[in-house]
Amino acid sequence: MAGQRVEVDGGILEGGGQILRVSTALSCLLGLPLRVQKIRAGRSTPGLSPGDWKFKIKVLAGPQHLSGLEMIRDLCDGQLEGAEIGSTEITFTPEKIRGGVHTADTKTAGSVCLLLQVSMPCVLFAAAPSELHLKGGTNAEMAPQVDYTVMVFKPIVEKFGFKFNCDIKMRGYYPKGGGEVVVRMSPVKQLNPINLTDRGSVTKIYGRAFVAGVLPFKVAKDMAAAAVRGIRKEIRDLYVNIQPVQEPRDQAFGNGSGIIIIAETSTGCLFAGSSLGKRGVNADKVGIDAAEMLLANLRHGGAVDEYLQDQLIIFMALANGVSRIKTGPVTLHTKTAIHFAEQLAKAKFTVKKSEDEDDASKDTYIIECQGIGVTNPHL
């Protein structure tokens, strides 16, 4: 199975954890031995970052890098060298992807959603169904909230022709983590291409504002009310339904608060705005920030929001045929994912300004990919 080792520069483009996620996932499922050098060279503390919370906010996305690499190694009984804190180079030699039960624990508030991002493409091409126990932060900084994964990512990514189940056992927040999500999915023979270019019109806006632990319920109500006011300034004719929620004690570890708002369109597109509560930031500001993020995502005319675009790239690369998505400005994360999908999977991407007359005044792009049509050898 092992061929020529692929060399990846971990310091280019986004220069962070995303390069590790995309390249190790592709290495695992394509059976390509991999060396990644200059890991996180663009960051304030280079190397694989630890679960040490004394580091600057910049490396908050760190603890899950190591757990993500270890998880990929375990998914395929591969060999992983150099995966320790502060390491700037890893080598990875994948073997056959197994199904079954796997656990990954960041032991911090490292994001369970980023663990899912790295493992999902691999287990789709496993020999048997998988059950992933992902532990860490469910609603953490610098990563999608688990509610985003369930409410936006899941319905859209399932258009590639697979289903997964995501069971939130325990929510966990910064800085302690302690959350757990169980994801179950069966392998597929192949992925279908997708076409997300028809945005439609917004038909529904809904969401949840939550508090957990010792925080008063009033905080959730204030976040929700402020978000509704923010949305009303631009969208007056739709009912906005944001539920304030007190997370049950037996389903939330530690203290946390935050909000996620979803806009759904007539063609089934989904957009989100979200924000997390922080010490010293009043609840109104958290709600307003989420509303502004949602509105910004609706203004650009794309059919996916800025946080979904990069997460779809790897699936587009693997699918059997041509996928097209319409996006707002192409993010650095997306450019990074495209670069490594081209380098490792040899998929062909084009990014062009949208030629639709409705989009003439907007910053709207079409990302098109000729996928490589990976076939699951075990099915």
Protein backbone atom coordinates (compact mmCIF):
# COMPACT_ATOMS: atom_id res chain seq x y z
CA MET A 1 0.00 0.00 0.00
CA ALA A 2 2.75 2.40 0.94
CA GLY A 3 4.12 4.40 -1.95
CA GLN A 4 6.34 7.46 -2.21
CA ARG A 5 6.06 9.67 0.89
CA VAL A 6 4.24 12.94 0.22
CA GLU A 7 5.99 16.05 1.58
CA VAL A 8 3.73 18.80 2.95
CA ASP A 9 4.80 22.28 4.06
CA GLY A 10 2.85 22.98 7.26
CA GLY A 11 3.84 26.64 7.31
CA ILE A 12 2.10 27.94 4.18
CA LEU A 13 -1.34 29.55 3.74
CA GLU A 14 -3.33 29.11 6.96
CA GLY A 15 -0.20 27.61 8.51
CA GLY A 16 -2.08 25.93 11.33
CA GLY A 17 -4.13 22.97 12.40
CA GLN A 18 -6.16 22.86 9.25
CA ILE A 19 -3.18 21.74 7.17
CA LEU A 20 -2.71 18.84 9.58
CA ARG A 21 -6.42 17.92 9.49
CA VAL A 22 -6.78 17.94 5.70
CA SER A 23 -3.44 16.31 4.89
CA THR A 24 -3.61 13.49 7.47
CA ALA A 25 -7.24 12.70 6.59
CA LEU A 26 -6.36 12.47 2.87
CA SER A 27 -3.20 10.51 3.65
CA CYS A 28 -5.25 8.03 5.69
CA LEU A 29 -8.02 7.47 3.18
CA LEU A 30 -5.83 7.47 0.06
CA GLY A 31 -3.12 5.30 1.65
CA LEU A 32 -0.42 7.94 1.11
CA PRO A 33 2.56 8.02 3.49
CA LEU A 34 3.00 11.62 4.62
CA ARG A 35 5.56 13.97 6.10
CA VAL A 36 4.41 17.37 7.35
CA GLN A 37 7.19 19.86 8.14
CA LYS A 38 7.22 23.38 9.67
CA ILE A 39 3.99 22.66 11.55
CA ARG A 40 2.17 25.82 12.65
CA ALA A 41 5.19 27.84 11.51
CA GLY A 42 2.89 30.82 11.08
CA ARG A 43 1.73 30.80 14.71
CA SER A 44 2.88 32.60 17.84
CA THR A 45 4.04 29.28 19.31
CA PRO A 46 5.07 26.96 16.47
CA GLY A 47 4.81 23.20 16.73
CA LEU A 48 2.04 20.95 17.93
CA SER A 49 0.44 22.96 20.66
CA PRO A 50 -0.24 21.55 24.09
CA GLY A 51 -3.24 21.50 26.34
CA ASP A 52 -1.57 24.18 28.41
CA TRP A 53 -4.04 27.02 28.83
CA LYS A 54 -1.40 29.54 29.83
CA PHE A 55 -0.68 30.05 26.13
CA LYS A 56 -2.04 33.03 24.30
CA ILE A 57 -5.51 32.87 22.84
CA LYS A 58 -3.94 32.19 19.44
CA VAL A 59 -3.19 28.58 20.21
CA LEU A 60 -6.59 27.78 21.67
CA ALA A 61 -7.20 25.58 18.68
CA GLY A 62 -4.21 23.53 19.74
CA PRO A 63 -4.99 20.60 22.04
CA GLN A 64 -7.10 18.84 19.47
CA HIS A 65 -4.28 18.72 16.89
CA LEU A 66 -2.48 16.00 18.76
CA SER A 67 -5.66 14.08 19.60
CA GLY A 68 -6.76 14.41 15.98
CA LEU A 69 -3.49 12.92 14.69
CA GLU A 70 -3.64 10.11 17.23
CA MET A 71 -7.22 9.41 16.27
CA ILE A 72 -6.38 9.10 12.56
CA ARG A 73 -3.48 6.81 13.45
CA ASP A 74 -5.81 4.58 15.48
CA LEU A 75 -8.54 4.57 12.81
CA CYS A 76 -6.18 2.86 10.39
CA ASP A 77 -3.59 1.15 12.66
CA GLY A 78 -1.07 3.51 11.09
CA GLN A 79 2.34 4.65 12.29
CA LEU A 80 2.83 8.17 13.53
CA GLU A 81 6.20 9.68 14.43
CA GLY A 82 7.00 13.09 15.87
CA ALA A 83 3.53 13.66 17.30
CA GLU A 84 4.47 15.28 20.56
CA ILE A 85 3.99 18.73 22.04
CA GLY A 86 6.14 21.35 20.33
CA SER A 87 7.05 19.04 17.43
CA THR A 88 7.34 20.84 14.09
CA GLU A 89 7.46 17.69 11.95
CA ILE A 90 5.40 14.52 11.81
CA THR A 91 5.53 11.44 9.59
CA PHE A 92 2.51 9.25 9.14
CA THR A 93 2.18 5.86 7.43
CA PRO A 94 -1.44 4.76 7.04
CA GLU A 95 -2.76 1.20 6.87
CA LYS A 96 -6.28 -0.17 6.27
CA ILE A 97 -9.10 1.94 7.78
CA ARG A 98 -11.05 -0.07 10.33
CA GLY A 99 -14.53 0.64 11.58
CA GLY A 100 -15.57 -0.03 15.16
CA VAL A 101 -15.41 2.07 18.30
CA HIS A 102 -12.75 4.79 18.63
CA THR A 103 -12.23 7.38 21.36
CA ALA A 104 -10.38 10.69 21.09
CA ASP A 105 -9.99 12.94 24.11
CA THR A 106 -8.42 16.40 23.95
CA LYS A 107 -8.40 16.44 27.81
CA THR A 108 -9.09 20.18 27.53
CA ALA A 109 -11.66 22.38 25.83
CA GLY A 110 -10.10 21.44 22.48
CA SER A 111 -12.94 21.18 19.99
CA VAL A 112 -14.79 17.90 19.44
CA CYS A 113 -16.00 19.37 16.13
CA LEU A 114 -12.45 19.63 14.80
CA LEU A 115 -11.88 15.99 15.81
CA LEU A 116 -14.96 15.11 13.80
CA GLN A 117 -13.73 17.12 10.80
CA VAL A 118 -10.52 15.13 10.61
CA SER A 119 -12.03 11.67 11.22
CA MET A 120 -15.28 11.78 9.23
CA PRO A 121 -13.83 11.54 5.70
CA CYS A 122 -11.74 8.54 6.82
CA VAL A 123 -14.48 6.49 8.46
CA LEU A 124 -16.66 6.94 5.36
CA PHE A 125 -14.18 4.67 3.61
CA ALA A 126 -13.73 2.19 6.47
CA ALA A 127 -14.38 -1.53 6.28
CA ALA A 128 -17.29 -1.43 8.77
CA PRO A 129 -19.55 1.03 10.65
CA SER A 130 -17.86 3.35 13.16
CA GLU A 131 -18.72 4.81 16.53
CA LEU A 132 -16.56 7.79 17.50
CA HIS A 133 -16.46 8.99 21.10
CA LEU A 134 -15.11 12.55 20.93
CA LYS A 135 -14.26 14.31 24.19
CA GLY A 136 -13.36 17.95 24.85
CA GLY A 137 -15.13 21.26 24.22
CA THR A 138 -18.51 21.14 22.49
CA ASN A 139 -18.95 24.91 22.49
CA ALA A 140 -15.39 26.23 22.33
CA GLU A 141 -13.55 29.21 20.90
CA MET A 142 -11.89 29.12 17.46
CA ALA A 143 -14.00 26.20 16.21
CA PRO A 144 -17.59 25.48 15.17
CA GLN A 145 -20.00 24.94 18.06
CA VAL A 146 -21.47 21.43 18.16
CA ASP A 147 -24.88 23.01 17.46
CA TYR A 148 -23.45 24.27 14.15
CA THR A 149 -22.24 20.78 13.32
CA VAL A 150 -25.71 19.32 13.97
CA MET A 151 -27.87 22.15 12.59
CA VAL A 152 -25.86 23.33 9.54
CA PHE A 153 -22.96 21.00 8.65
CA LYS A 154 -24.91 17.73 9.02
CA PRO A 155 -27.88 18.40 6.70
CA ILE A 156 -25.62 19.89 4.02
CA VAL A 157 -22.77 17.35 4.10
CA GLU A 158 -25.31 14.51 3.96
CA LYS A 159 -26.10 15.70 0.41
CA PHE A 160 -22.89 13.86 -0.58
CA GLY A 161 -24.87 10.66 -0.01
CA PHE A 162 -24.24 9.45 3.54
CA LYS A 163 -25.88 9.80 6.96
CA PHE A 164 -24.42 10.19 10.42
CA ASN A 165 -25.85 10.41 13.89
CA CYS A 166 -24.47 12.87 16.42
CA ASP A 167 -25.48 12.32 20.04
CA ILE A 168 -24.46 15.12 22.44
CA LYS A 169 -23.92 13.26 25.73
CA MET A 170 -22.35 16.11 27.68
CA ARG A 171 -21.60 19.71 26.79
CA GLY A 172 -18.21 21.13 27.75
CA TYR A 173 -16.91 24.71 27.70
CA TYR A 174 -13.65 26.64 27.87
CA PRO A 175 -11.39 26.22 29.80
CA LYS A 176 -12.30 22.83 31.30
CA GLY A 177 -13.83 20.96 28.40
CA GLY A 178 -15.36 17.75 29.72
CA GLY A 179 -17.88 17.43 26.89
CA GLU A 180 -18.61 14.25 24.97
CA VAL A 181 -20.24 13.61 21.62
CA VAL A 182 -20.86 10.16 20.12
CA VAL A 183 -20.96 9.99 16.33
CA ARG A 184 -22.16 6.88 14.51
CA MET A 185 -21.87 6.33 10.79
CA SER A 186 -21.70 3.60 8.18
CA PRO A 187 -19.19 3.49 5.34
CA VAL A 188 -20.17 4.30 1.74
CA LYS A 189 -19.06 2.91 -1.62
CA GLN A 190 -18.63 6.40 -3.13
CA LEU A 191 -19.63 10.04 -2.53
CA ASN A 192 -22.02 11.88 -4.85
CA PRO A 193 -21.08 15.34 -6.10
CA ILE A 194 -23.16 18.29 -4.84
CA ASN A 195 -24.49 21.49 -6.37
CA LEU A 196 -25.12 24.33 -3.93
CA THR A 197 -25.46 27.35 -6.18
CA ASP A 198 -29.13 28.32 -5.89
CA ARG A 199 -29.50 30.29 -2.73
CA GLY A 200 -33.27 30.91 -2.75
CA SER A 201 -34.82 33.37 -0.31
CA VAL A 202 -34.67 33.28 3.50
CA THR A 203 -37.82 31.60 4.84
CA LYS A 204 -37.00 30.93 8.51
CA ILE A 205 -34.71 32.23 11.23
CA TYR A 206 -34.35 30.26 14.45
CA GLY A 207 -31.77 29.42 17.07
CA ARG A 208 -30.88 28.81 20.68
CA ALA A 209 -29.26 30.95 23.35
CA PHE A 210 -27.91 28.82 26.18
CA VAL A 211 -26.52 29.12 29.67
CA ALA A 212 -24.91 26.29 31.63
CA GLY A 213 -23.67 25.85 35.17
CA VAL A 214 -23.95 28.79 37.57
CA LEU A 215 -24.89 31.40 34.96
CA PRO A 216 -28.37 32.93 35.40
CA PHE A 217 -31.11 32.13 32.87
CA LYS A 218 -31.56 35.89 32.35
CA VAL A 219 -28.26 35.85 30.39
CA ALA A 220 -29.78 33.48 27.80
CA LYS A 221 -32.91 35.63 27.53
CA ASP A 222 -30.83 38.81 27.09
CA MET A 223 -28.65 37.22 24.36
CA ALA A 224 -31.74 36.03 22.49
CA ALA A 225 -33.55 39.39 22.75
CA ALA A 226 -30.48 41.37 21.60
CA ALA A 227 -29.98 39.02 18.64
CA VAL A 228 -33.63 39.37 17.58
CA ARG A 229 -33.32 43.18 17.74
CA GLY A 230 -30.14 43.02 15.63
CA ILE A 231 -31.76 40.87 12.94
CA ARG A 232 -34.94 43.01 12.90
CA LYS A 233 -32.90 46.00 11.72
CA GLU A 234 -32.37 44.27 8.37
CA ILE A 235 -35.02 41.56 8.15
CA ARG A 236 -38.42 42.81 9.28
CA ASP A 237 -40.91 40.46 7.67
CA LEU A 238 -39.84 37.14 9.24
CA TYR A 239 -40.59 35.75 12.67
CA VAL A 240 -37.29 35.14 14.49
CA ASN A 241 -37.53 32.27 16.94
CA ILE A 242 -34.52 32.11 19.30
CA GLN A 243 -35.14 29.85 22.29
CA PRO A 244 -33.38 30.70 25.56
CA VAL A 245 -32.19 27.42 27.12
CA GLN A 246 -30.85 26.43 30.53
CA GLU A 247 -28.65 23.38 29.84
CA PRO A 248 -29.62 20.53 32.22
CA ARG A 249 -27.02 19.98 34.98
CA ASP A 250 -26.52 16.33 34.04
CA GLN A 251 -25.78 17.26 30.43
CA ALA A 252 -23.33 20.14 30.84
CA PHE A 253 -19.91 20.21 32.49
CA GLY A 254 -18.77 23.55 33.88
CA ASN A 255 -20.08 27.04 33.13
CA GLY A 256 -20.72 28.47 29.71
CA SER A 257 -23.04 30.57 27.59
CA GLY A 258 -23.51 31.30 23.93
CA ILE A 259 -25.90 31.60 21.04
CA ILE A 260 -26.36 30.19 17.55
CA ILE A 261 -28.82 31.56 14.98
CA ILE A 262 -29.69 29.76 11.75
CA ALA A 263 -31.28 31.17 8.60
CA GLU A 264 -32.93 28.63 6.29
CA THR A 265 -33.80 29.36 2.66
CA SER A 266 -36.47 28.19 0.22
CA THR A 267 -33.92 25.91 -1.49
CA GLY A 268 -32.66 24.34 1.75
CA CYS A 269 -29.50 26.40 2.17
CA LEU A 270 -28.45 27.06 5.78
CA PHE A 271 -26.44 29.96 7.22
CA ALA A 272 -25.40 30.63 10.78
CA GLY A 273 -24.15 33.29 13.12
CA SER A 274 -22.87 32.35 16.55
CA SER A 275 -21.03 33.74 19.52
CA LEU A 276 -19.84 32.54 22.92
CA GLY A 277 -20.16 34.37 26.21
CA LYS A 278 -16.89 35.47 27.83
CA ARG A 279 -16.04 36.92 31.18
CA GLY A 280 -16.56 40.68 31.13
CA VAL A 281 -18.63 40.72 27.91
CA ASN A 282 -22.27 41.60 28.42
CA ALA A 283 -25.00 39.29 27.13
CA ASP A 284 -26.38 41.89 24.69
CA LYS A 285 -23.06 42.13 22.89
CA VAL A 286 -22.86 38.33 22.51
CA GLY A 287 -26.34 38.28 20.96
CA ILE A 288 -25.59 41.23 18.67
CA ASP A 289 -22.28 39.68 17.49
CA ALA A 290 -24.10 36.48 16.46
CA ALA A 291 -26.79 38.48 14.63
CA GLU A 292 -24.15 40.54 12.77
CA MET A 293 -22.29 37.40 11.73
CA LEU A 294 -25.49 35.86 10.36
CA LEU A 295 -26.41 39.04 8.48
CA ALA A 296 -22.90 39.31 7.00
CA ASN A 297 -23.22 35.72 5.79
CA LEU A 298 -26.57 36.52 4.17
CA ARG A 299 -25.34 39.69 2.43
CA HIS A 300 -22.75 38.11 0.15
CA GLY A 301 -25.19 36.10 -1.96
CA GLY A 302 -23.46 32.72 -1.55
CA ALA A 303 -25.33 29.48 -0.88
CA VAL A 304 -23.06 28.42 2.02
CA ASP A 305 -21.72 30.45 4.92
CA GLU A 306 -18.06 31.21 5.53
CA TYR A 307 -17.64 28.36 8.04
CA LEU A 308 -19.12 25.69 5.81
CA GLN A 309 -17.15 26.47 2.65
CA ASP A 310 -13.82 25.01 3.84
CA GLN A 311 -15.47 21.98 5.48
CA LEU A 312 -16.99 20.88 2.15
CA ILE A 313 -13.73 20.96 0.15
CA ILE A 314 -12.41 17.53 1.13
CA PHE A 315 -15.75 15.86 0.31
CA MET A 316 -15.91 17.65 -3.07
CA ALA A 317 -12.40 16.36 -3.81
CA LEU A 318 -13.38 12.76 -3.02
CA ALA A 319 -16.79 12.75 -4.76
CA ASN A 320 -17.45 11.04 -8.07
CA GLY A 321 -18.10 13.92 -10.48
CA VAL A 322 -18.29 17.71 -10.58
CA SER A 323 -19.38 19.61 -7.45
CA ARG A 324 -20.16 23.32 -7.40
CA ILE A 325 -20.77 25.63 -4.47
CA LYS A 326 -21.52 29.35 -4.49
CA THR A 327 -19.78 31.24 -1.68
CA GLY A 328 -19.03 34.71 -0.45
CA PRO A 329 -15.36 35.75 -0.24
CA VAL A 330 -13.16 32.64 -0.28
CA THR A 331 -11.54 32.26 3.14
CA LEU A 332 -7.92 31.42 3.86
CA HIS A 333 -9.10 28.13 5.41
CA THR A 334 -10.82 27.26 2.13
CA LYS A 335 -7.78 28.18 0.03
CA THR A 336 -5.70 25.96 2.33
CA ALA A 337 -8.10 23.01 2.01
CA ILE A 338 -8.15 23.39 -1.80
CA HIS A 339 -4.34 23.53 -2.00
CA PHE A 340 -3.89 20.27 -0.09
CA ALA A 341 -6.81 18.51 -1.78
CA GLU A 342 -5.11 19.31 -5.09
CA GLN A 343 -1.66 18.32 -3.86
CA LEU A 344 -2.62 15.04 -2.18
CA ALA A 345 -5.81 13.88 -3.88
CA LYS A 346 -5.02 15.37 -7.32
CA ALA A 347 -8.56 16.80 -7.48
CA LYS A 348 -8.98 19.80 -9.80
CA PHE A 349 -10.55 22.98 -8.41
CA THR A 350 -11.47 26.26 -10.08
CA VAL A 351 -12.56 29.39 -8.23
CA LYS A 352 -14.29 32.06 -10.31
CA LYS A 353 -16.28 35.20 -9.62
CA SER A 354 -20.00 34.43 -10.00
CA GLU A 355 -21.36 35.59 -13.37
CA ASP A 356 -24.98 35.80 -12.18
CA GLU A 357 -26.30 39.32 -12.72
CA ASP A 358 -27.79 39.26 -9.20
CA ASP A 359 -24.24 38.82 -7.88
CA ALA A 360 -22.63 41.55 -9.99
CA SER A 361 -22.39 44.01 -7.09
CA LYS A 362 -21.45 41.34 -4.53
CA ASP A 363 -18.33 39.44 -3.59
CA THR A 364 -19.67 36.06 -4.76
CA TYR A 365 -17.69 33.10 -6.12
CA ILE A 366 -18.28 29.67 -7.62
CA ILE A 367 -15.94 26.94 -6.39
CA GLU A 368 -16.02 24.00 -8.77
CA CYS A 369 -14.27 20.68 -8.30
CA GLN A 370 -13.75 17.68 -10.50
CA GLY A 371 -13.72 15.04 -7.77
CA ILE A 372 -11.53 11.95 -8.02
CA GLY A 373 -14.33 9.46 -7.28
CA VAL A 374 -12.67 7.51 -4.47
CA THR A 375 -14.19 4.03 -4.15
CA ASN A 376 -14.30 2.17 -0.85
CA PRO A 377 -12.14 -0.96 -1.39
CA HIS A 378 -13.85 -2.78 1.51
CA LEU A 379 -17.42 -2.64 0.14
